[in-house]
Structure formats: C-alpha cells, structure tokens
C-alpha atoms as a PDB file:
ATOM      1  CA  MET A   1     116.637  81.101  97.990  1.00  0.00           C
ATOM      2  CA  ASP A   2     113.193  80.073  96.695  1.00  0.00           C
ATOM      3  CA  ARG A   3     112.486  77.992  99.988  1.00  0.00           C
ATOM      4  CA  PHE A   4     112.082  81.487 101.931  1.00  0.00           C
ATOM      5  CA  GLU A   5     109.768  84.337 101.228  1.00  0.00           C
ATOM      6  CA  LYS A   6     110.331  88.130 102.825  1.00  0.00           C
ATOM      7  CA  VAL A   7     106.853  88.888 103.995  1.00  0.00           C
ATOM      8  CA  TYR A   8     107.592  92.302 106.454  1.00  0.00           C
ATOM      9  CA  SER A   9     110.313  94.605 106.759  1.00  0.00           C
ATOM     10  CA  GLN A  10     110.982  97.317 108.934  1.00  0.00           C
ATOM     11  CA  GLY A  11     114.063  99.675 109.335  1.00  0.00           C
ATOM     12  CA  ILE A  12     117.505 100.453 107.456  1.00  0.00           C
ATOM     13  CA  ILE A  13     120.169  99.834 110.242  1.00  0.00           C
ATOM     14  CA  ASP A  14     117.868  98.453 112.767  1.00  0.00           C
ATOM     15  CA  VAL A  15     115.859  96.255 110.810  1.00  0.00           C
ATOM     16  CA  THR A  16     113.117  93.619 111.793  1.00  0.00           C
ATOM     17  CA  GLU A  17     111.885  91.225 108.961  1.00  0.00           C
ATOM     18  CA  ILE A  18     109.588  88.292 108.843  1.00  0.00           C
ATOM     19  CA  TRP A  19     110.347  85.070 106.535  1.00  0.00           C
ATOM     20  CA  VAL A  20     108.086  82.448 105.626  1.00  0.00           C
ATOM     21  CA  ASP A  21     109.195  78.626 105.050  1.00  0.00           C
ATOM     22  CA  LYS A  22     107.135  77.984 102.095  1.00  0.00           C
ATOM     23  CA  GLU A  23     107.530  74.323 102.361  1.00  0.00           C
ATOM     24  CA  THR A  24     106.214  74.344 106.088  1.00  0.00           C
ATOM     25  CA  GLY A  25     104.397  77.778 106.221  1.00  0.00           C
ATOM     26  CA  VAL A  26     106.094  78.367 109.671  1.00  0.00           C
ATOM     27  CA  GLN A  27     106.963  82.211 110.161  1.00  0.00           C
ATOM     28  CA  TYR A  28     110.756  83.818 111.487  1.00  0.00           C
ATOM     29  CA  LEU A  29     111.570  86.989 112.657  1.00  0.00           C
ATOM     30  CA  PHE A  30     114.866  88.074 111.906  1.00  0.00           C
ATOM     31  CA  HIS A  31     116.403  91.399 113.656  1.00  0.00           C
ATOM     32  CA  ARG A  32     119.700  93.077 112.637  1.00  0.00           C
ATOM     33  CA  ASN A  33     121.041  95.713 114.397  1.00  0.00           C
ATOM     34  CA  GLY A  34     124.809  96.820 113.134  1.00  0.00           C
ATOM     35  CA  ASN A  35     126.944  93.505 113.136  1.00  0.00           C
ATOM     36  CA  ALA A  36     124.434  91.275 115.527  1.00  0.00           C
ATOM     37  CA  ALA A  37     121.775  89.417 114.128  1.00  0.00           C
ATOM     38  CA  GLY A  38     119.329  86.943 115.120  1.00  0.00           C
ATOM     39  CA  LEU A  39     116.475  84.636 113.670  1.00  0.00           C
ATOM     40  CA  ALA A  40     113.833  82.865 115.638  1.00  0.00           C
ATOM     41  CA  PRO A  41     110.499  81.115 114.577  1.00  0.00           C
ATOM     42  CA  LEU A  42     107.639  83.268 115.582  1.00  0.00           C
ATOM     43  CA  LEU A  43     105.650  81.875 118.463  1.00  0.00           C
ATOM     44  CA  ASP A  44     102.045  81.763 119.446  1.00  0.00           C
ATOM     45  CA  LYS A  45     100.461  82.331 122.975  1.00  0.00           C
ATOM     46  CA  ASP A  46     100.986  78.483 123.604  1.00  0.00           C
ATOM     47  CA  GLY A  47     104.806  78.223 122.067  1.00  0.00           C
ATOM     48  CA  LYS A  48     103.621  76.695 118.981  1.00  0.00           C
ATOM     49  CA  PRO A  49     105.477  77.904 115.715  1.00  0.00           C
ATOM     50  CA  VAL A  50     102.825  80.481 113.662  1.00  0.00           C
ATOM     51  CA  VAL A  51     102.182  78.656 110.683  1.00  0.00           C
ATOM     52  CA  THR A  52     100.967  80.465 107.418  1.00  0.00           C
ATOM     53  CA  PRO A  53      98.119  78.516 105.720  1.00  0.00           C
END
C-alpha cells in the first residue's frame, strides 16, 4: 500500500475518497455505498487523467 496515498475522504456509510498513485501521479476517485463500490481515474475537461505534479 506504499504506492497509493489517500488525499481526501468524506462520509462513513456513503464514502467518497480520492487516492493518488505516487509513482504516476494519477488521481483516482473511490466511492462506496453499502456493499457496492467503484474506482475510476479522475478526468479533466478533455478526458485526460488528472495528474498530481
């Protein structure tokens, strides 16, 4: 788990988090609600991944 860093978290049951891949800088949105969850890269207005410098 050293590769990913959680930079934002909101909620307890309905959880939204932003994770950053420390090797590539790509940001990911993680959302969990009950038993369902999903992970997707954050995209800018041009559809390219958001990258942390």
